[in-house]
Amino acid sequence: MADYRLGIAMTGPFSEPTPAAAAIAKEAENLGYTSLWVAEFAGPDAILTLTYHAMHTSRVLLGTGVLPIQIRSPGVMGMAFLTLNEISGGRAVAGIGVSSPGLVEASHGASYRKPVTAMREYVQILRQFYTEGRAKFEGQVYRTNLRLQMHLTQKQRPRIYMAALNPPMVKLAGELADGVLFNFCPPEMVGGRIAMVREAAAAAGRNPDDIDIAMYAFMYVMDDRAAALQNLKRFVSNYAFLPNYSRMFATFGFGDELEEVRHMVKAGKRDTSYQAISDASAYRLAAFGSFDAGREWVARCRGAGVTHPIVWALGDTSPGKFGEMVRALAGT
């Protein structure tokens, strides 16, 4: 991907569809950001939020980052993104992932099985739906026979970006997706994952250069660096009990620290368990302190081969600080 790409994740108070968020989205677009991303956990609905932003912007891509595939059928997901794509003039990005058993099963009562197979089938169904107007599919996880009944005017169909943490999903993204979305990957480790994407793309007869390499660039825009470090450790410690993340972090050398987090929680020390994560590990996962540090972090991501860094603010996401960050990192 030779063209310039820089995304902004709408976090904190800007994760909701409000006039203040719309103003920031429009400002980011005017400053040269090329994509806007909304995550989803327990509200608001990401696709509806992006539809709101579609009405206040004209150029930025509008991506979900990310939606678990198991809690929306392929047909429902396909219709929603096609609708967003029509409203936005062809700017929809279907950022999808398999999430975790806890979220999918415990929170939503859906089935979490064969995640890699499920993702493969899901993307195949979406592709059929987008290109043929009908999805007729019978697989191991999904079965559908749905004909689209809406008039499509946009030549550009929704782009499909696959969230990928571990090698099987990373390779599948190279085989099937328009883009891959990495999360919490140290810049020095991303090269190996990019190589997997490119090799899988080539093996599938695709041009590896056609696949966008997107990655969240986490940064703590806080004056108190020590407090920022502790906040990130608390944040990361929550992933110690998510199998997909635990496996990924182990490959980055964080396995022993997360194992200690789990041990401390089981021992009744949940409130201090995050302290098992070292400062050195925290510094490998995010930028801290000044906006200069944020700019340097984005540059490191690009230098590692990321074609589409997505700025994600943690820590102080107050309206004033978030707006300052958007302006300070524009053009990086």
Protein backbone atom coordinates (compact mmCIF):
# COMPACT_ATOMS: atom_id res chain seq x y z
CA MET A 1 0.00 0.00 0.00
CA ALA A 2 1.85 3.08 -1.23
CA ASP A 3 -0.77 5.65 -0.24
CA TYR A 4 -0.61 7.47 3.08
CA ARG A 5 -2.90 6.12 5.78
CA LEU A 6 -3.38 7.21 9.38
CA GLY A 7 -6.33 6.30 11.55
CA ILE A 8 -7.81 7.60 14.77
CA ALA A 9 -9.68 5.42 17.25
CA MET A 10 -12.60 7.18 18.88
CA THR A 11 -12.07 6.44 22.56
CA GLY A 12 -13.19 7.74 25.93
CA PRO A 13 -16.05 10.25 25.68
CA PHE A 14 -15.64 10.30 21.89
CA SER A 15 -16.63 6.65 21.51
CA GLU A 16 -20.31 7.65 21.54
CA PRO A 17 -22.31 9.32 18.73
CA THR A 18 -22.39 12.86 20.09
CA PRO A 19 -21.97 16.31 18.50
CA ALA A 20 -18.59 16.63 20.25
CA ALA A 21 -17.42 13.35 18.73
CA ALA A 22 -18.68 14.40 15.31
CA ALA A 23 -16.73 17.65 15.58
CA ILE A 24 -13.53 15.77 16.42
CA ALA A 25 -14.15 13.33 13.55
CA LYS A 26 -14.57 16.19 11.10
CA GLU A 27 -11.49 17.96 12.45
CA ALA A 28 -9.44 14.76 12.11
CA GLU A 29 -10.58 14.40 8.51
CA ASN A 30 -9.62 18.00 7.75
CA LEU A 31 -6.21 17.42 9.35
CA GLY A 32 -5.50 14.52 6.98
CA TYR A 33 -6.47 11.44 8.97
CA THR A 34 -7.70 8.84 6.53
CA SER A 35 -9.73 6.53 8.75
CA LEU A 36 -11.96 6.58 11.83
CA TRP A 37 -12.41 3.51 14.04
CA VAL A 38 -15.00 2.60 16.66
CA ALA A 39 -14.73 -0.40 18.97
CA GLU A 40 -17.68 -2.23 20.48
CA PHE A 41 -18.07 -4.02 23.79
CA ALA A 42 -21.23 -3.19 25.70
CA GLY A 43 -22.45 -0.17 23.80
CA PRO A 44 -22.86 1.92 21.87
CA ASP A 45 -23.40 -0.06 18.68
CA ALA A 46 -20.30 0.46 16.52
CA ILE A 47 -22.01 0.37 13.11
CA LEU A 48 -24.71 2.81 14.17
CA THR A 49 -22.06 5.10 15.65
CA LEU A 50 -20.12 5.03 12.39
CA THR A 51 -23.31 5.76 10.48
CA TYR A 52 -23.65 8.90 12.59
CA HIS A 53 -20.08 9.87 11.69
CA ALA A 54 -20.76 9.15 8.02
CA MET A 55 -23.26 12.01 8.10
CA HIS A 56 -20.63 14.44 9.40
CA THR A 57 -17.61 13.44 7.28
CA SER A 58 -16.99 12.94 3.58
CA ARG A 59 -13.61 11.25 3.04
CA VAL A 60 -12.40 9.17 5.99
CA LEU A 61 -12.83 5.41 5.94
CA LEU A 62 -15.21 4.25 8.67
CA GLY A 63 -14.07 1.07 10.41
CA THR A 64 -15.22 -1.13 13.26
CA GLY A 65 -12.35 -2.14 15.44
CA VAL A 66 -13.55 -4.79 15.96
CA LEU A 67 -16.86 -6.64 15.92
CA PRO A 68 -17.02 -10.27 17.13
CA ILE A 69 -18.39 -12.37 14.29
CA GLN A 70 -20.34 -14.75 16.52
CA ILE A 71 -22.83 -12.20 17.84
CA ARG A 72 -24.17 -11.16 14.42
CA SER A 73 -25.02 -13.63 11.70
CA PRO A 74 -23.09 -13.17 8.43
CA GLY A 75 -26.26 -11.95 6.75
CA VAL A 76 -27.02 -9.37 9.44
CA MET A 77 -23.41 -8.18 9.42
CA GLY A 78 -23.36 -8.02 5.65
CA MET A 79 -26.56 -5.97 5.43
CA ALA A 80 -25.39 -3.58 8.13
CA PHE A 81 -22.07 -2.85 6.44
CA LEU A 82 -23.67 -2.53 3.02
CA THR A 83 -26.10 0.00 4.47
CA LEU A 84 -23.24 1.95 6.09
CA ASN A 85 -21.36 1.76 2.81
CA GLU A 86 -24.28 3.25 0.89
CA ILE A 87 -24.80 6.05 3.40
CA SER A 88 -21.08 6.89 3.51
CA GLY A 89 -20.41 6.74 -0.23
CA GLY A 90 -18.31 3.58 -0.18
CA ARG A 91 -16.28 4.19 2.98
CA ALA A 92 -17.25 1.22 5.16
CA VAL A 93 -14.60 -1.05 6.68
CA ALA A 94 -15.83 -4.27 8.27
CA GLY A 95 -13.27 -4.81 11.01
CA ILE A 96 -14.11 -8.25 12.41
CA GLY A 97 -12.57 -10.72 14.83
CA VAL A 98 -13.34 -13.82 16.89
CA SER A 99 -13.02 -12.14 20.30
CA SER A 100 -12.90 -14.53 23.27
CA PRO A 101 -15.10 -17.24 24.81
CA GLY A 102 -15.87 -15.00 27.77
CA LEU A 103 -17.34 -12.20 25.69
CA VAL A 104 -19.03 -14.40 23.09
CA GLU A 105 -20.46 -17.10 25.35
CA ALA A 106 -20.83 -15.49 28.77
CA SER A 107 -21.87 -12.01 27.66
CA HIS A 108 -23.87 -12.81 24.54
CA GLY A 109 -24.84 -16.46 24.90
CA ALA A 110 -23.44 -17.28 21.45
CA SER A 111 -21.32 -20.26 20.48
CA TYR A 112 -17.53 -19.96 20.38
CA ARG A 113 -16.29 -22.90 18.35
CA LYS A 114 -13.76 -23.52 15.60
CA PRO A 115 -12.76 -19.82 15.56
CA VAL A 116 -10.41 -20.00 12.56
CA THR A 117 -12.87 -22.10 10.54
CA ALA A 118 -15.69 -19.79 11.60
CA MET A 119 -13.75 -16.74 10.41
CA ARG A 120 -12.90 -18.36 7.08
CA GLU A 121 -16.54 -19.23 6.44
CA TYR A 122 -17.78 -15.84 7.63
CA VAL A 123 -15.53 -13.94 5.24
CA GLN A 124 -16.45 -16.23 2.37
CA ILE A 125 -20.13 -15.54 3.03
CA LEU A 126 -19.57 -11.78 3.22
CA ARG A 127 -17.64 -11.87 -0.07
CA GLN A 128 -20.48 -13.72 -1.78
CA PHE A 129 -23.00 -11.29 -0.38
CA TYR A 130 -20.99 -8.25 -1.48
CA THR A 131 -20.10 -9.43 -4.97
CA GLU A 132 -23.07 -11.55 -6.01
CA GLY A 133 -25.92 -10.15 -3.95
CA ARG A 134 -26.61 -13.60 -2.60
CA ALA A 135 -24.92 -15.84 -0.07
CA LYS A 136 -25.55 -19.54 -0.49
CA PHE A 137 -23.18 -21.44 1.74
CA GLU A 138 -22.99 -24.63 3.79
CA GLY A 139 -19.97 -25.02 6.03
CA GLN A 140 -18.86 -26.54 9.31
CA VAL A 141 -19.97 -23.54 11.36
CA TYR A 142 -22.24 -21.41 9.17
CA ARG A 143 -25.08 -22.18 6.82
CA THR A 144 -26.96 -19.53 4.92
CA ASN A 145 -29.14 -19.00 1.87
CA LEU A 146 -29.91 -15.30 1.68
CA ARG A 147 -30.58 -13.08 -1.32
CA LEU A 148 -29.99 -9.37 -0.92
CA GLN A 149 -32.98 -7.09 -1.53
CA MET A 150 -31.49 -3.61 -1.63
CA HIS A 151 -30.31 -1.38 -4.45
CA LEU A 152 -26.55 -0.85 -4.31
CA THR A 153 -25.07 2.28 -5.85
CA GLN A 154 -21.49 2.10 -4.62
CA LYS A 155 -18.87 0.42 -6.81
CA GLN A 156 -16.61 0.05 -3.79
CA ARG A 157 -18.00 -2.68 -1.56
CA PRO A 158 -17.21 -2.73 2.18
CA ARG A 159 -13.58 -3.58 2.84
CA ILE A 160 -12.92 -6.53 5.16
CA TYR A 161 -10.19 -6.20 7.80
CA MET A 162 -9.42 -9.18 10.00
CA ALA A 163 -8.23 -8.80 13.58
CA ALA A 164 -5.36 -11.26 14.02
CA LEU A 165 -3.37 -12.11 17.13
CA ASN A 166 -1.80 -15.51 16.47
CA PRO A 167 -0.34 -17.24 13.38
CA PRO A 168 -3.45 -19.13 12.16
CA MET A 169 -5.54 -15.96 12.00
CA VAL A 170 -2.63 -13.87 10.71
CA LYS A 171 -2.18 -16.26 7.80
CA LEU A 172 -5.92 -16.38 7.15
CA ALA A 173 -5.95 -12.58 6.87
CA GLY A 174 -3.27 -12.80 4.21
CA GLU A 175 -5.32 -15.35 2.34
CA LEU A 176 -8.74 -13.68 2.47
CA ALA A 177 -8.87 -10.14 3.88
CA ASP A 178 -8.37 -6.66 2.44
CA GLY A 179 -6.47 -5.73 5.55
CA VAL A 180 -5.14 -7.15 8.79
CA LEU A 181 -5.53 -5.38 12.13
CA PHE A 182 -2.87 -6.01 14.77
CA ASN A 183 -3.35 -5.16 18.43
CA PHE A 184 -0.79 -4.78 21.23
CA CYS A 185 2.05 -5.91 19.01
CA PRO A 186 5.47 -4.43 19.88
CA PRO A 187 6.87 -2.72 16.78
CA GLU A 188 9.96 -4.92 16.82
CA MET A 189 7.76 -8.02 16.61
CA VAL A 190 5.40 -6.94 13.85
CA GLY A 191 7.79 -7.79 11.01
CA GLY A 192 7.40 -11.51 11.56
CA ARG A 193 3.64 -11.22 11.45
CA ILE A 194 3.74 -9.12 8.30
CA ALA A 195 5.88 -11.82 6.70
CA MET A 196 3.18 -14.39 7.54
CA VAL A 197 0.54 -12.20 5.91
CA ARG A 198 2.57 -11.74 2.76
CA GLU A 199 3.50 -15.41 2.44
CA ALA A 200 -0.12 -16.49 2.86
CA ALA A 201 -1.26 -13.93 0.31
CA ALA A 202 1.28 -15.10 -2.25
CA ALA A 203 0.34 -18.75 -1.65
CA ALA A 204 -3.31 -17.82 -2.33
CA GLY A 205 -2.36 -16.15 -5.61
CA ARG A 206 -2.87 -12.64 -4.27
CA ASN A 207 -0.60 -9.60 -4.49
CA PRO A 208 0.77 -9.16 -0.95
CA ASP A 209 1.06 -5.41 -1.54
CA ASP A 210 -2.73 -5.20 -1.84
CA ILE A 211 -3.20 -6.07 1.84
CA ASP A 212 -3.28 -3.14 4.23
CA ILE A 213 -1.26 -3.68 7.42
CA ALA A 214 -3.15 -1.81 10.13
CA MET A 215 -2.16 -1.68 13.78
CA TYR A 216 -3.34 0.16 16.84
CA ALA A 217 -0.71 2.61 18.07
CA PHE A 218 -1.47 2.91 21.78
CA MET A 219 -0.36 6.00 23.62
CA TYR A 220 -0.84 7.45 27.07
CA VAL A 221 -1.11 11.20 26.69
CA MET A 222 -0.57 11.87 30.39
CA ASP A 223 1.83 14.26 32.08
CA ASP A 224 2.44 11.75 34.88
CA ARG A 225 4.52 9.02 33.20
CA ALA A 226 4.59 6.82 36.32
CA ALA A 227 0.81 6.87 36.57
CA ALA A 228 0.55 6.13 32.84
CA LEU A 229 2.76 3.06 33.23
CA GLN A 230 0.62 1.75 36.07
CA ASN A 231 -2.54 2.35 34.06
CA LEU A 232 -1.22 0.38 31.11
CA LYS A 233 -0.19 -2.50 33.36
CA ARG A 234 -3.71 -2.64 34.80
CA PHE A 235 -5.13 -2.58 31.28
CA VAL A 236 -2.87 -5.35 29.99
CA SER A 237 -3.35 -7.50 33.09
CA ASN A 238 -7.02 -7.88 32.12
CA TYR A 239 -5.90 -9.86 29.07
CA ALA A 240 -4.13 -12.48 31.22
CA PHE A 241 -7.34 -14.52 31.30
CA LEU A 242 -8.09 -14.31 27.56
CA PRO A 243 -6.52 -17.35 25.87
CA ASN A 244 -5.89 -15.77 22.47
CA TYR A 245 -4.16 -12.76 24.00
CA SER A 246 -2.23 -14.87 26.48
CA ARG A 247 -0.81 -16.98 23.65
CA MET A 248 0.16 -13.88 21.69
CA PHE A 249 1.78 -12.15 24.65
CA ALA A 250 3.73 -15.32 25.43
CA THR A 251 5.33 -15.18 21.98
CA PHE A 252 6.42 -11.61 22.76
CA GLY A 253 8.15 -12.74 25.95
CA PHE A 254 5.44 -11.68 28.41
CA GLY A 255 4.26 -15.19 29.28
CA ASP A 256 5.86 -15.43 32.72
CA GLU A 257 4.53 -12.03 33.75
CA LEU A 258 0.97 -12.87 32.78
CA GLU A 259 1.26 -16.23 34.50
CA GLU A 260 2.24 -14.36 37.66
CA VAL A 261 -0.81 -12.09 37.19
CA ARG A 262 -3.03 -15.17 37.10
CA HIS A 263 -1.28 -16.65 40.14
CA MET A 264 -1.75 -13.45 42.15
CA VAL A 265 -5.44 -13.21 41.23
CA LYS A 266 -6.00 -16.80 42.32
CA ALA A 267 -4.20 -15.98 45.56
CA GLY A 268 -6.66 -13.17 46.26
CA LYS A 269 -4.33 -10.33 45.19
CA ARG A 270 -6.31 -9.06 42.22
CA ASP A 271 -5.88 -5.39 43.16
CA THR A 272 -2.07 -5.62 42.93
CA SER A 273 -1.72 -8.36 40.31
CA TYR A 274 -0.93 -5.86 37.56
CA GLN A 275 2.39 -5.14 39.28
CA ALA A 276 3.67 -8.45 37.90
CA ILE A 277 4.01 -6.69 34.54
CA SER A 278 7.37 -4.95 34.26
CA ASP A 279 8.07 -1.39 33.17
CA ALA A 280 10.16 -2.82 30.33
CA SER A 281 7.18 -4.76 29.00
CA ALA A 282 4.92 -1.72 29.24
CA TYR A 283 7.36 0.37 27.23
CA ARG A 284 7.24 -2.23 24.44
CA LEU A 285 3.46 -1.86 24.07
CA ALA A 286 2.71 1.86 24.02
CA ALA A 287 4.04 5.40 23.95
CA PHE A 288 4.03 7.43 27.16
CA GLY A 289 4.06 11.08 28.04
CA SER A 290 4.52 13.77 25.42
CA PHE A 291 3.03 14.05 21.98
CA ASP A 292 6.60 13.78 20.66
CA ALA A 293 6.68 10.26 22.12
CA GLY A 294 3.44 9.54 20.29
CA ARG A 295 4.87 10.76 17.00
CA GLU A 296 7.98 8.66 17.50
CA TRP A 297 5.82 5.61 18.24
CA VAL A 298 3.87 6.03 15.01
CA ALA A 299 7.17 6.39 13.16
CA ARG A 300 8.40 3.15 14.74
CA CYS A 301 5.25 1.37 13.61
CA ARG A 302 5.70 2.62 10.06
CA GLY A 303 9.37 1.70 10.12
CA ALA A 304 8.41 -1.85 11.09
CA GLY A 305 6.19 -2.17 8.02
CA VAL A 306 2.79 -1.01 9.28
CA THR A 307 1.02 0.79 6.43
CA HIS A 308 -1.92 2.01 8.48
CA PRO A 309 -1.19 3.06 12.09
CA ILE A 310 -4.33 3.80 14.11
CA VAL A 311 -3.79 6.18 17.02
CA TRP A 312 -5.52 4.92 20.16
CA ALA A 313 -5.46 7.22 23.19
CA LEU A 314 -5.40 5.70 26.65
CA GLY A 315 -5.18 7.47 29.97
CA ASP A 316 -6.33 11.07 29.73
CA THR A 317 -9.05 11.10 27.06
CA SER A 318 -10.70 14.30 28.28
CA PRO A 319 -12.05 16.46 25.45
CA GLY A 320 -9.21 18.96 25.68
CA LYS A 321 -6.40 16.40 25.76
CA PHE A 322 -7.93 14.18 23.08
CA GLY A 323 -8.31 17.12 20.73
CA GLU A 324 -4.72 18.18 21.38
CA MET A 325 -3.55 14.67 20.56
CA VAL A 326 -5.52 14.55 17.31
CA ARG A 327 -3.92 17.81 16.22
CA ALA A 328 -0.43 16.93 17.45
CA LEU A 329 -0.25 13.56 15.66
CA ALA A 330 -1.77 14.70 12.37
CA GLY A 331 0.54 14.01 9.48
CA THR A 332 2.70 11.42 11.28
